[in-house]
Amino acid sequence: LAMPDGRHRRALRQFGIQLERQGVSAAR
């Protein structure tokens, strides 16, 4: 269970990219 999880890592990386692209994280 402690081994690297590529699927969720990639999905969360894409989520972060979308945050930056949409400017959501800066829209505080």
mmCIF file of all heavy atoms, coordinates in Angstrom:
data_MODEL
# 
_entry.id   MODEL 
# 
loop_
_atom_site.group_PDB 
_atom_site.id 
_atom_site.type_symbol 
_atom_site.label_atom_id 
_atom_site.label_alt_id 
_atom_site.label_comp_id 
_atom_site.label_asym_id 
_atom_site.label_entity_id 
_atom_site.label_seq_id 
_atom_site.pdbx_PDB_ins_code 
_atom_site.Cartn_x 
_atom_site.Cartn_y 
_atom_site.Cartn_z 
_atom_site.occupancy 
_atom_site.B_iso_or_equiv 
_atom_site.pdbx_formal_charge 
_atom_site.auth_seq_id 
_atom_site.auth_comp_id 
_atom_site.auth_asym_id 
_atom_site.auth_atom_id 
_atom_site.pdbx_PDB_model_num 
ATOM 1   N N   . LEU A 1 1  ? 0.815   -1.212 0.000   1.00 0.00 ? 1  LEU A N   1 
ATOM 2   C CA  . LEU A 1 1  ? 0.000   0.000  0.000   1.00 0.00 ? 1  LEU A CA  1 
ATOM 3   C C   . LEU A 1 1  ? 0.850   1.265  0.000   1.00 0.00 ? 1  LEU A C   1 
ATOM 4   O O   . LEU A 1 1  ? 0.382   2.327  -0.419  1.00 0.00 ? 1  LEU A O   1 
ATOM 5   C CB  . LEU A 1 1  ? -0.926  0.005  1.218   1.00 0.00 ? 1  LEU A CB  1 
ATOM 6   C CG  . LEU A 1 1  ? -2.007  -1.073 1.241   1.00 0.00 ? 1  LEU A CG  1 
ATOM 7   C CD1 . LEU A 1 1  ? -2.777  -1.024 2.549   1.00 0.00 ? 1  LEU A CD1 1 
ATOM 8   C CD2 . LEU A 1 1  ? -2.966  -0.912 0.077   1.00 0.00 ? 1  LEU A CD2 1 
ATOM 9   N N   . ALA A 1 2  ? 2.099   1.171  0.461   1.00 0.00 ? 2  ALA A N   1 
ATOM 10  C CA  . ALA A 1 2  ? 2.969   2.348  0.510   1.00 0.00 ? 2  ALA A CA  1 
ATOM 11  C C   . ALA A 1 2  ? 3.708   2.593  -0.797  1.00 0.00 ? 2  ALA A C   1 
ATOM 12  O O   . ALA A 1 2  ? 4.413   3.588  -0.935  1.00 0.00 ? 2  ALA A O   1 
ATOM 13  C CB  . ALA A 1 2  ? 3.975   2.195  1.648   1.00 0.00 ? 2  ALA A CB  1 
ATOM 14  N N   . MET A 1 3  ? 3.555   1.710  -1.758  1.00 0.00 ? 3  MET A N   1 
ATOM 15  C CA  . MET A 1 3  ? 4.245   1.882  -3.043  1.00 0.00 ? 3  MET A CA  1 
ATOM 16  C C   . MET A 1 3  ? 3.671   3.082  -3.796  1.00 0.00 ? 3  MET A C   1 
ATOM 17  O O   . MET A 1 3  ? 2.521   3.458  -3.602  1.00 0.00 ? 3  MET A O   1 
ATOM 18  C CB  . MET A 1 3  ? 4.099   0.608  -3.881  1.00 0.00 ? 3  MET A CB  1 
ATOM 19  C CG  . MET A 1 3  ? 4.838   -0.601 -3.301  1.00 0.00 ? 3  MET A CG  1 
ATOM 20  S SD  . MET A 1 3  ? 4.505   -2.120 -4.225  1.00 0.00 ? 3  MET A SD  1 
ATOM 21  C CE  . MET A 1 3  ? 5.255   -1.693 -5.814  1.00 0.00 ? 3  MET A CE  1 
ATOM 22  N N   . PRO A 1 4  ? 4.496   3.708  -4.668  1.00 0.00 ? 4  PRO A N   1 
ATOM 23  C CA  . PRO A 1 4  ? 4.013   4.866  -5.438  1.00 0.00 ? 4  PRO A CA  1 
ATOM 24  C C   . PRO A 1 4  ? 2.751   4.528  -6.233  1.00 0.00 ? 4  PRO A C   1 
ATOM 25  O O   . PRO A 1 4  ? 2.608   3.439  -6.774  1.00 0.00 ? 4  PRO A O   1 
ATOM 26  C CB  . PRO A 1 4  ? 5.194   5.173  -6.370  1.00 0.00 ? 4  PRO A CB  1 
ATOM 27  C CG  . PRO A 1 4  ? 6.385   4.623  -5.666  1.00 0.00 ? 4  PRO A CG  1 
ATOM 28  C CD  . PRO A 1 4  ? 5.900   3.394  -4.946  1.00 0.00 ? 4  PRO A CD  1 
ATOM 29  N N   . ASP A 1 5  ? 1.846   5.485  -6.281  1.00 0.00 ? 5  ASP A N   1 
ATOM 30  C CA  . ASP A 1 5  ? 0.560   5.312  -6.955  1.00 0.00 ? 5  ASP A CA  1 
ATOM 31  C C   . ASP A 1 5  ? 0.522   6.274  -8.138  1.00 0.00 ? 5  ASP A C   1 
ATOM 32  O O   . ASP A 1 5  ? 0.177   7.448  -7.991  1.00 0.00 ? 5  ASP A O   1 
ATOM 33  C CB  . ASP A 1 5  ? -0.566  5.611  -5.959  1.00 0.00 ? 5  ASP A CB  1 
ATOM 34  C CG  . ASP A 1 5  ? -1.954  5.520  -6.583  1.00 0.00 ? 5  ASP A CG  1 
ATOM 35  O OD1 . ASP A 1 5  ? -2.040  5.249  -7.795  1.00 0.00 ? 5  ASP A OD1 1 
ATOM 36  O OD2 . ASP A 1 5  ? -2.936  5.733  -5.864  1.00 0.00 ? 5  ASP A OD2 1 
ATOM 37  N N   . GLY A 1 6  ? 0.901   5.772  -9.299  1.00 0.00 ? 6  GLY A N   1 
ATOM 38  C CA  . GLY A 1 6  ? 1.017   6.618  -10.481 1.00 0.00 ? 6  GLY A CA  1 
ATOM 39  C C   . GLY A 1 6  ? -0.299  7.223  -10.921 1.00 0.00 ? 6  GLY A C   1 
ATOM 40  O O   . GLY A 1 6  ? -0.354  8.380  -11.350 1.00 0.00 ? 6  GLY A O   1 
ATOM 41  N N   . ARG A 1 7  ? -1.402  6.469  -10.796 1.00 0.00 ? 7  ARG A N   1 
ATOM 42  C CA  . ARG A 1 7  ? -2.688  6.965  -11.298 1.00 0.00 ? 7  ARG A CA  1 
ATOM 43  C C   . ARG A 1 7  ? -3.141  8.203  -10.531 1.00 0.00 ? 7  ARG A C   1 
ATOM 44  O O   . ARG A 1 7  ? -3.487  9.221  -11.126 1.00 0.00 ? 7  ARG A O   1 
ATOM 45  C CB  . ARG A 1 7  ? -3.755  5.865  -11.209 1.00 0.00 ? 7  ARG A CB  1 
ATOM 46  C CG  . ARG A 1 7  ? -5.126  6.313  -11.734 1.00 0.00 ? 7  ARG A CG  1 
ATOM 47  C CD  . ARG A 1 7  ? -6.097  5.148  -11.784 1.00 0.00 ? 7  ARG A CD  1 
ATOM 48  N NE  . ARG A 1 7  ? -6.608  4.795  -10.477 1.00 0.00 ? 7  ARG A NE  1 
ATOM 49  C CZ  . ARG A 1 7  ? -7.696  5.368  -9.920  1.00 0.00 ? 7  ARG A CZ  1 
ATOM 50  N NH1 . ARG A 1 7  ? -8.333  6.336  -10.562 1.00 0.00 ? 7  ARG A NH1 1 
ATOM 51  N NH2 . ARG A 1 7  ? -8.126  4.974  -8.744  1.00 0.00 ? 7  ARG A NH2 1 
ATOM 52  N N   . HIS A 1 8  ? -3.137  8.127  -9.220  1.00 0.00 ? 8  HIS A N   1 
ATOM 53  C CA  . HIS A 1 8  ? -3.579  9.272  -8.442  1.00 0.00 ? 8  HIS A CA  1 
ATOM 54  C C   . HIS A 1 8  ? -2.573  10.411 -8.485  1.00 0.00 ? 8  HIS A C   1 
ATOM 55  O O   . HIS A 1 8  ? -2.951  11.591 -8.441  1.00 0.00 ? 8  HIS A O   1 
ATOM 56  C CB  . HIS A 1 8  ? -3.859  8.848  -6.999  1.00 0.00 ? 8  HIS A CB  1 
ATOM 57  C CG  . HIS A 1 8  ? -5.093  8.018  -6.855  1.00 0.00 ? 8  HIS A CG  1 
ATOM 58  N ND1 . HIS A 1 8  ? -5.050  6.643  -6.749  1.00 0.00 ? 8  HIS A ND1 1 
ATOM 59  C CD2 . HIS A 1 8  ? -6.410  8.357  -6.840  1.00 0.00 ? 8  HIS A CD2 1 
ATOM 60  C CE1 . HIS A 1 8  ? -6.297  6.169  -6.657  1.00 0.00 ? 8  HIS A CE1 1 
ATOM 61  N NE2 . HIS A 1 8  ? -7.124  7.191  -6.707  1.00 0.00 ? 8  HIS A NE2 1 
ATOM 62  N N   . ARG A 1 9  ? -1.302  10.091 -8.584  1.00 0.00 ? 9  ARG A N   1 
ATOM 63  C CA  . ARG A 1 9  ? -0.297  11.147 -8.696  1.00 0.00 ? 9  ARG A CA  1 
ATOM 64  C C   . ARG A 1 9  ? -0.521  11.953 -9.967  1.00 0.00 ? 9  ARG A C   1 
ATOM 65  O O   . ARG A 1 9  ? -0.489  13.187 -9.946  1.00 0.00 ? 9  ARG A O   1 
ATOM 66  C CB  . ARG A 1 9  ? 1.107   10.542 -8.680  1.00 0.00 ? 9  ARG A CB  1 
ATOM 67  C CG  . ARG A 1 9  ? 2.219   11.574 -8.748  1.00 0.00 ? 9  ARG A CG  1 
ATOM 68  C CD  . ARG A 1 9  ? 3.584   10.921 -8.717  1.00 0.00 ? 9  ARG A CD  1 
ATOM 69  N NE  . ARG A 1 9  ? 3.798   10.195 -7.476  1.00 0.00 ? 9  ARG A NE  1 
ATOM 70  C CZ  . ARG A 1 9  ? 4.912   9.502  -7.209  1.00 0.00 ? 9  ARG A CZ  1 
ATOM 71  N NH1 . ARG A 1 9  ? 5.879   9.423  -8.110  1.00 0.00 ? 9  ARG A NH1 1 
ATOM 72  N NH2 . ARG A 1 9  ? 5.045   8.884  -6.067  1.00 0.00 ? 9  ARG A NH2 1 
ATOM 73  N N   . ARG A 1 10 ? -0.748  11.271 -11.079 1.00 0.00 ? 10 ARG A N   1 
ATOM 74  C CA  . ARG A 1 10 ? -0.977  11.972 -12.353 1.00 0.00 ? 10 ARG A CA  1 
ATOM 75  C C   . ARG A 1 10 ? -2.263  12.797 -12.307 1.00 0.00 ? 10 ARG A C   1 
ATOM 76  O O   . ARG A 1 10 ? -2.309  13.925 -12.784 1.00 0.00 ? 10 ARG A O   1 
ATOM 77  C CB  . ARG A 1 10 ? -1.039  10.956 -13.499 1.00 0.00 ? 10 ARG A CB  1 
ATOM 78  C CG  . ARG A 1 10 ? 0.303   10.344 -13.859 1.00 0.00 ? 10 ARG A CG  1 
ATOM 79  C CD  . ARG A 1 10 ? 0.214   9.544  -15.140 1.00 0.00 ? 10 ARG A CD  1 
ATOM 80  N NE  . ARG A 1 10 ? -0.688  8.398  -15.006 1.00 0.00 ? 10 ARG A NE  1 
ATOM 81  C CZ  . ARG A 1 10 ? -0.301  7.201  -14.568 1.00 0.00 ? 10 ARG A CZ  1 
ATOM 82  N NH1 . ARG A 1 10 ? 0.965   6.980  -14.213 1.00 0.00 ? 10 ARG A NH1 1 
ATOM 83  N NH2 . ARG A 1 10 ? -1.172  6.200  -14.482 1.00 0.00 ? 10 ARG A NH2 1 
ATOM 84  N N   . ALA A 1 11 ? -3.317  12.222 -11.699 1.00 0.00 ? 11 ALA A N   1 
ATOM 85  C CA  . ALA A 1 11 ? -4.594  12.937 -11.636 1.00 0.00 ? 11 ALA A CA  1 
ATOM 86  C C   . ALA A 1 11 ? -4.471  14.211 -10.809 1.00 0.00 ? 11 ALA A C   1 
ATOM 87  O O   . ALA A 1 11 ? -4.992  15.274 -11.190 1.00 0.00 ? 11 ALA A O   1 
ATOM 88  C CB  . ALA A 1 11 ? -5.675  12.030 -11.065 1.00 0.00 ? 11 ALA A CB  1 
ATOM 89  N N   . LEU A 1 12 ? -3.768  14.141 -9.684  1.00 0.00 ? 12 LEU A N   1 
ATOM 90  C CA  . LEU A 1 12 ? -3.620  15.322 -8.837  1.00 0.00 ? 12 LEU A CA  1 
ATOM 91  C C   . LEU A 1 12 ? -2.694  16.347 -9.476  1.00 0.00 ? 12 LEU A C   1 
ATOM 92  O O   . LEU A 1 12 ? -2.898  17.560 -9.311  1.00 0.00 ? 12 LEU A O   1 
ATOM 93  C CB  . LEU A 1 12 ? -3.113  14.905 -7.456  1.00 0.00 ? 12 LEU A CB  1 
ATOM 94  C CG  . LEU A 1 12 ? -4.178  14.200 -6.612  1.00 0.00 ? 12 LEU A CG  1 
ATOM 95  C CD1 . LEU A 1 12 ? -3.540  13.381 -5.505  1.00 0.00 ? 12 LEU A CD1 1 
ATOM 96  C CD2 . LEU A 1 12 ? -5.155  15.218 -6.023  1.00 0.00 ? 12 LEU A CD2 1 
ATOM 97  N N   . ARG A 1 13 ? -1.696  15.881 -10.211 1.00 0.00 ? 13 ARG A N   1 
ATOM 98  C CA  . ARG A 1 13 ? -0.856  16.817 -10.941 1.00 0.00 ? 13 ARG A CA  1 
ATOM 99  C C   . ARG A 1 13 ? -1.686  17.573 -11.974 1.00 0.00 ? 13 ARG A C   1 
ATOM 100 O O   . ARG A 1 13 ? -1.560  18.790 -12.125 1.00 0.00 ? 13 ARG A O   1 
ATOM 101 C CB  . ARG A 1 13 ? 0.299   16.093 -11.625 1.00 0.00 ? 13 ARG A CB  1 
ATOM 102 C CG  . ARG A 1 13 ? 1.274   17.052 -12.319 1.00 0.00 ? 13 ARG A CG  1 
ATOM 103 C CD  . ARG A 1 13 ? 2.350   16.306 -13.104 1.00 0.00 ? 13 ARG A CD  1 
ATOM 104 N NE  . ARG A 1 13 ? 3.128   15.443 -12.220 1.00 0.00 ? 13 ARG A NE  1 
ATOM 105 C CZ  . ARG A 1 13 ? 3.277   14.138 -12.388 1.00 0.00 ? 13 ARG A CZ  1 
ATOM 106 N NH1 . ARG A 1 13 ? 2.660   13.511 -13.392 1.00 0.00 ? 13 ARG A NH1 1 
ATOM 107 N NH2 . ARG A 1 13 ? 4.021   13.442 -11.565 1.00 0.00 ? 13 ARG A NH2 1 
ATOM 108 N N   . GLN A 1 14 ? -2.574  16.856 -12.666 1.00 0.00 ? 14 GLN A N   1 
ATOM 109 C CA  . GLN A 1 14 ? -3.436  17.502 -13.657 1.00 0.00 ? 14 GLN A CA  1 
ATOM 110 C C   . GLN A 1 14 ? -4.404  18.471 -12.978 1.00 0.00 ? 14 GLN A C   1 
ATOM 111 O O   . GLN A 1 14 ? -4.684  19.562 -13.511 1.00 0.00 ? 14 GLN A O   1 
ATOM 112 C CB  . GLN A 1 14 ? -4.220  16.437 -14.433 1.00 0.00 ? 14 GLN A CB  1 
ATOM 113 C CG  . GLN A 1 14 ? -5.088  16.987 -15.562 1.00 0.00 ? 14 GLN A CG  1 
ATOM 114 C CD  . GLN A 1 14 ? -4.282  17.708 -16.617 1.00 0.00 ? 14 GLN A CD  1 
ATOM 115 O OE1 . GLN A 1 14 ? -3.146  17.332 -16.919 1.00 0.00 ? 14 GLN A OE1 1 
ATOM 116 N NE2 . GLN A 1 14 ? -4.855  18.753 -17.197 1.00 0.00 ? 14 GLN A NE2 1 
ATOM 117 N N   . PHE A 1 15 ? -4.894  18.104 -11.809 1.00 0.00 ? 15 PHE A N   1 
ATOM 118 C CA  . PHE A 1 15 ? -5.764  18.992 -11.039 1.00 0.00 ? 15 PHE A CA  1 
ATOM 119 C C   . PHE A 1 15 ? -5.031  20.292 -10.714 1.00 0.00 ? 15 PHE A C   1 
ATOM 120 O O   . PHE A 1 15 ? -5.580  21.388 -10.865 1.00 0.00 ? 15 PHE A O   1 
ATOM 121 C CB  . PHE A 1 15 ? -6.214  18.286 -9.759  1.00 0.00 ? 15 PHE A CB  1 
ATOM 122 C CG  . PHE A 1 15 ? -6.989  19.149 -8.803  1.00 0.00 ? 15 PHE A CG  1 
ATOM 123 C CD1 . PHE A 1 15 ? -8.299  19.503 -9.082  1.00 0.00 ? 15 PHE A CD1 1 
ATOM 124 C CD2 . PHE A 1 15 ? -6.420  19.590 -7.619  1.00 0.00 ? 15 PHE A CD2 1 
ATOM 125 C CE1 . PHE A 1 15 ? -9.029  20.294 -8.192  1.00 0.00 ? 15 PHE A CE1 1 
ATOM 126 C CE2 . PHE A 1 15 ? -7.136  20.378 -6.735  1.00 0.00 ? 15 PHE A CE2 1 
ATOM 127 C CZ  . PHE A 1 15 ? -8.443  20.725 -7.019  1.00 0.00 ? 15 PHE A CZ  1 
ATOM 128 N N   . GLY A 1 16 ? -3.774  20.176 -10.280 1.00 0.00 ? 16 GLY A N   1 
ATOM 129 C CA  . GLY A 1 16 ? -2.987  21.370 -9.983  1.00 0.00 ? 16 GLY A CA  1 
ATOM 130 C C   . GLY A 1 16 ? -2.767  22.234 -11.199 1.00 0.00 ? 16 GLY A C   1 
ATOM 131 O O   . GLY A 1 16 ? -2.818  23.474 -11.116 1.00 0.00 ? 16 GLY A O   1 
ATOM 132 N N   . ILE A 1 17 ? -2.509  21.598 -12.326 1.00 0.00 ? 17 ILE A N   1 
ATOM 133 C CA  . ILE A 1 17 ? -2.327  22.354 -13.578 1.00 0.00 ? 17 ILE A CA  1 
ATOM 134 C C   . ILE A 1 17 ? -3.603  23.111 -13.919 1.00 0.00 ? 17 ILE A C   1 
ATOM 135 O O   . ILE A 1 17 ? -3.566  24.282 -14.318 1.00 0.00 ? 17 ILE A O   1 
ATOM 136 C CB  . ILE A 1 17 ? -1.920  21.401 -14.719 1.00 0.00 ? 17 ILE A CB  1 
ATOM 137 C CG1 . ILE A 1 17 ? -0.507  20.863 -14.475 1.00 0.00 ? 17 ILE A CG1 1 
ATOM 138 C CG2 . ILE A 1 17 ? -2.011  22.102 -16.074 1.00 0.00 ? 17 ILE A CG2 1 
ATOM 139 C CD1 . ILE A 1 17 ? -0.109  19.742 -15.414 1.00 0.00 ? 17 ILE A CD1 1 
ATOM 140 N N   . GLN A 1 18 ? -4.753  22.440 -13.750 1.00 0.00 ? 18 GLN A N   1 
ATOM 141 C CA  . GLN A 1 18 ? -6.027  23.094 -14.041 1.00 0.00 ? 18 GLN A CA  1 
ATOM 142 C C   . GLN A 1 18 ? -6.277  24.277 -13.092 1.00 0.00 ? 18 GLN A C   1 
ATOM 143 O O   . GLN A 1 18 ? -6.822  25.314 -13.508 1.00 0.00 ? 18 GLN A O   1 
ATOM 144 C CB  . GLN A 1 18 ? -7.174  22.087 -13.920 1.00 0.00 ? 18 GLN A CB  1 
ATOM 145 C CG  . GLN A 1 18 ? -7.205  21.034 -15.015 1.00 0.00 ? 18 GLN A CG  1 
ATOM 146 C CD  . GLN A 1 18 ? -7.526  21.647 -16.368 1.00 0.00 ? 18 GLN A CD  1 
ATOM 147 O OE1 . GLN A 1 18 ? -8.279  22.614 -16.466 1.00 0.00 ? 18 GLN A OE1 1 
ATOM 148 N NE2 . GLN A 1 18 ? -6.939  21.097 -17.415 1.00 0.00 ? 18 GLN A NE2 1 
ATOM 149 N N   . LEU A 1 19 ? -5.884  24.125 -11.828 1.00 0.00 ? 19 LEU A N   1 
ATOM 150 C CA  . LEU A 1 19 ? -6.017  25.236 -10.895 1.00 0.00 ? 19 LEU A CA  1 
ATOM 151 C C   . LEU A 1 19 ? -5.257  26.465 -11.403 1.00 0.00 ? 19 LEU A C   1 
ATOM 152 O O   . LEU A 1 19 ? -5.776  27.589 -11.404 1.00 0.00 ? 19 LEU A O   1 
ATOM 153 C CB  . LEU A 1 19 ? -5.462  24.844 -9.521  1.00 0.00 ? 19 LEU A CB  1 
ATOM 154 C CG  . LEU A 1 19 ? -6.350  24.050 -8.563  1.00 0.00 ? 19 LEU A CG  1 
ATOM 155 C CD1 . LEU A 1 19 ? -5.561  23.693 -7.313  1.00 0.00 ? 19 LEU A CD1 1 
ATOM 156 C CD2 . LEU A 1 19 ? -7.591  24.835 -8.191  1.00 0.00 ? 19 LEU A CD2 1 
ATOM 157 N N   . GLU A 1 20 ? -4.016  26.235 -11.808 1.00 0.00 ? 20 GLU A N   1 
ATOM 158 C CA  . GLU A 1 20 ? -3.198  27.353 -12.286 1.00 0.00 ? 20 GLU A CA  1 
ATOM 159 C C   . GLU A 1 20 ? -3.738  27.907 -13.607 1.00 0.00 ? 20 GLU A C   1 
ATOM 160 O O   . GLU A 1 20 ? -3.778  29.125 -13.813 1.00 0.00 ? 20 GLU A O   1 
ATOM 161 C CB  . GLU A 1 20 ? -1.755  26.896 -12.442 1.00 0.00 ? 20 GLU A CB  1 
ATOM 162 C CG  . GLU A 1 20 ? -1.078  26.524 -11.134 1.00 0.00 ? 20 GLU A CG  1 
ATOM 163 C CD  . GLU A 1 20 ? 0.359   26.086 -11.337 1.00 0.00 ? 20 GLU A CD  1 
ATOM 164 O OE1 . GLU A 1 20 ? 0.846   26.164 -12.485 1.00 0.00 ? 20 GLU A OE1 1 
ATOM 165 O OE2 . GLU A 1 20 ? 0.981   25.659 -10.349 1.00 0.00 ? 20 GLU A OE2 1 
ATOM 166 N N   . ARG A 1 21 ? -4.136  27.028 -14.487 1.00 0.00 ? 21 ARG A N   1 
ATOM 167 C CA  . ARG A 1 21 ? -4.607  27.462 -15.800 1.00 0.00 ? 21 ARG A CA  1 
ATOM 168 C C   . ARG A 1 21 ? -5.862  28.320 -15.678 1.00 0.00 ? 21 ARG A C   1 
ATOM 169 O O   . ARG A 1 21 ? -6.027  29.317 -16.381 1.00 0.00 ? 21 ARG A O   1 
ATOM 170 C CB  . ARG A 1 21 ? -4.864  26.231 -16.677 1.00 0.00 ? 21 ARG A CB  1 
ATOM 171 C CG  . ARG A 1 21 ? -5.274  26.555 -18.108 1.00 0.00 ? 21 ARG A CG  1 
ATOM 172 C CD  . ARG A 1 21 ? -5.370  25.270 -18.902 1.00 0.00 ? 21 ARG A CD  1 
ATOM 173 N NE  . ARG A 1 21 ? -4.064  24.612 -18.994 1.00 0.00 ? 21 ARG A NE  1 
ATOM 174 C CZ  . ARG A 1 21 ? -3.887  23.340 -19.360 1.00 0.00 ? 21 ARG A CZ  1 
ATOM 175 N NH1 . ARG A 1 21 ? -4.946  22.579 -19.626 1.00 0.00 ? 21 ARG A NH1 1 
ATOM 176 N NH2 . ARG A 1 21 ? -2.681  22.826 -19.428 1.00 0.00 ? 21 ARG A NH2 1 
ATOM 177 N N   . GLN A 1 22 ? -6.763  27.905 -14.802 1.00 0.00 ? 22 GLN A N   1 
ATOM 178 C CA  . GLN A 1 22 ? -8.008  28.651 -14.624 1.00 0.00 ? 22 GLN A CA  1 
ATOM 179 C C   . GLN A 1 22 ? -7.831  29.867 -13.718 1.00 0.00 ? 22 GLN A C   1 
ATOM 180 O O   . GLN A 1 22 ? -8.736  30.686 -13.584 1.00 0.00 ? 22 GLN A O   1 
ATOM 181 C CB  . GLN A 1 22 ? -9.097  27.738 -14.031 1.00 0.00 ? 22 GLN A CB  1 
ATOM 182 C CG  . GLN A 1 22 ? -9.493  26.575 -14.917 1.00 0.00 ? 22 GLN A CG  1 
ATOM 183 C CD  . GLN A 1 22 ? -10.357 27.000 -16.082 1.00 0.00 ? 22 GLN A CD  1 
ATOM 184 O OE1 . GLN A 1 22 ? -10.816 28.133 -16.139 1.00 0.00 ? 22 GLN A OE1 1 
ATOM 185 N NE2 . GLN A 1 22 ? -10.548 26.104 -17.035 1.00 0.00 ? 22 GLN A NE2 1 
ATOM 186 N N   . GLY A 1 23 ? -6.653  29.958 -13.082 1.00 0.00 ? 23 GLY A N   1 
ATOM 187 C CA  . GLY A 1 23 ? -6.438  31.065 -12.161 1.00 0.00 ? 23 GLY A CA  1 
ATOM 188 C C   . GLY A 1 23 ? -7.236  30.939 -10.886 1.00 0.00 ? 23 GLY A C   1 
ATOM 189 O O   . GLY A 1 23 ? -7.401  31.910 -10.150 1.00 0.00 ? 23 GLY A O   1 
ATOM 190 N N   . VAL A 1 24 ? -7.714  29.708 -10.600 1.00 0.00 ? 24 VAL A N   1 
ATOM 191 C CA  . VAL A 1 24 ? -8.583  29.523 -9.428  1.00 0.00 ? 24 VAL A CA  1 
ATOM 192 C C   . VAL A 1 24 ? -7.804  29.676 -8.140  1.00 0.00 ? 24 VAL A C   1 
ATOM 193 O O   . VAL A 1 24 ? -8.247  30.322 -7.191  1.00 0.00 ? 24 VAL A O   1 
ATOM 194 C CB  . VAL A 1 24 ? -9.268  28.143 -9.495  1.00 0.00 ? 24 VAL A CB  1 
ATOM 195 C CG1 . VAL A 1 24 ? -9.987  27.851 -8.193  1.00 0.00 ? 24 VAL A CG1 1 
ATOM 196 C CG2 . VAL A 1 24 ? -10.238 28.102 -10.658 1.00 0.00 ? 24 VAL A CG2 1 
ATOM 197 N N   . SER A 1 25 ? -6.600  29.105 -8.082  1.00 0.00 ? 25 SER A N   1 
ATOM 198 C CA  . SER A 1 25 ? -5.850  29.150 -6.830  1.00 0.00 ? 25 SER A CA  1 
ATOM 199 C C   . SER A 1 25 ? -5.478  30.564 -6.448  1.00 0.00 ? 25 SER A C   1 
ATOM 200 O O   . SER A 1 25 ? -5.298  30.878 -5.274  1.00 0.00 ? 25 SER A O   1 
ATOM 201 C CB  . SER A 1 25 ? -4.586  28.293 -6.946  1.00 0.00 ? 25 SER A CB  1 
ATOM 202 O OG  . SER A 1 25 ? -3.752  28.779 -7.989  1.00 0.00 ? 25 SER A OG  1 
ATOM 203 N N   . ALA A 1 26 ? -5.357  31.455 -7.451  1.00 0.00 ? 26 ALA A N   1 
ATOM 204 C CA  . ALA A 1 26 ? -5.016  32.843 -7.152  1.00 0.00 ? 26 ALA A CA  1 
ATOM 205 C C   . ALA A 1 26 ? -6.245  33.698 -6.898  1.00 0.00 ? 26 ALA A C   1 
ATOM 206 O O   . ALA A 1 26 ? -6.136  34.845 -6.474  1.00 0.00 ? 26 ALA A O   1 
ATOM 207 C CB  . ALA A 1 26 ? -4.213  33.432 -8.310  1.00 0.00 ? 26 ALA A CB  1 
ATOM 208 N N   . ALA A 1 27 ? -7.416  33.143 -7.164  1.00 0.00 ? 27 ALA A N   1 
ATOM 209 C CA  . ALA A 1 27 ? -8.641  33.938 -7.066  1.00 0.00 ? 27 ALA A CA  1 
ATOM 210 C C   . ALA A 1 27 ? -9.175  33.948 -5.647  1.00 0.00 ? 27 ALA A C   1 
ATOM 211 O O   . ALA A 1 27 ? -10.304 33.607 -5.380  1.00 0.00 ? 27 ALA A O   1 
ATOM 212 C CB  . ALA A 1 27 ? -9.704  33.389 -8.018  1.00 0.00 ? 27 ALA A CB  1 
ATOM 213 N N   . ARG A 1 28 ? -8.329  34.305 -4.708  1.00 0.00 ? 28 ARG A N   1 
ATOM 214 C CA  . ARG A 1 28 ? -8.737  34.359 -3.313  1.00 0.00 ? 28 ARG A CA  1 
ATOM 215 C C   . ARG A 1 28 ? -9.430  35.683 -3.017  1.00 0.00 ? 28 ARG A C   1 
ATOM 216 O O   . ARG A 1 28 ? -9.040  36.730 -3.531  1.00 0.00 ? 28 ARG A O   1 
ATOM 217 C CB  . ARG A 1 28 ? -7.530  34.200 -2.408  1.00 0.00 ? 28 ARG A CB  1 
ATOM 218 C CG  . ARG A 1 28 ? -6.859  32.850 -2.585  1.00 0.00 ? 28 ARG A CG  1 
ATOM 219 C CD  . ARG A 1 28 ? -5.747  32.646 -1.590  1.00 0.00 ? 28 ARG A CD  1 
ATOM 220 N NE  . ARG A 1 28 ? -5.232  31.279 -1.702  1.00 0.00 ? 28 ARG A NE  1 
ATOM 221 C CZ  . ARG A 1 28 ? -4.342  30.754 -0.877  1.00 0.00 ? 28 ARG A CZ  1 
ATOM 222 N NH1 . ARG A 1 28 ? -3.863  31.466 0.103   1.00 0.00 ? 28 ARG A NH1 1 
ATOM 223 N NH2 . ARG A 1 28 ? -3.930  29.517 -1.042  1.00 0.00 ? 28 ARG A NH2 1 
# 
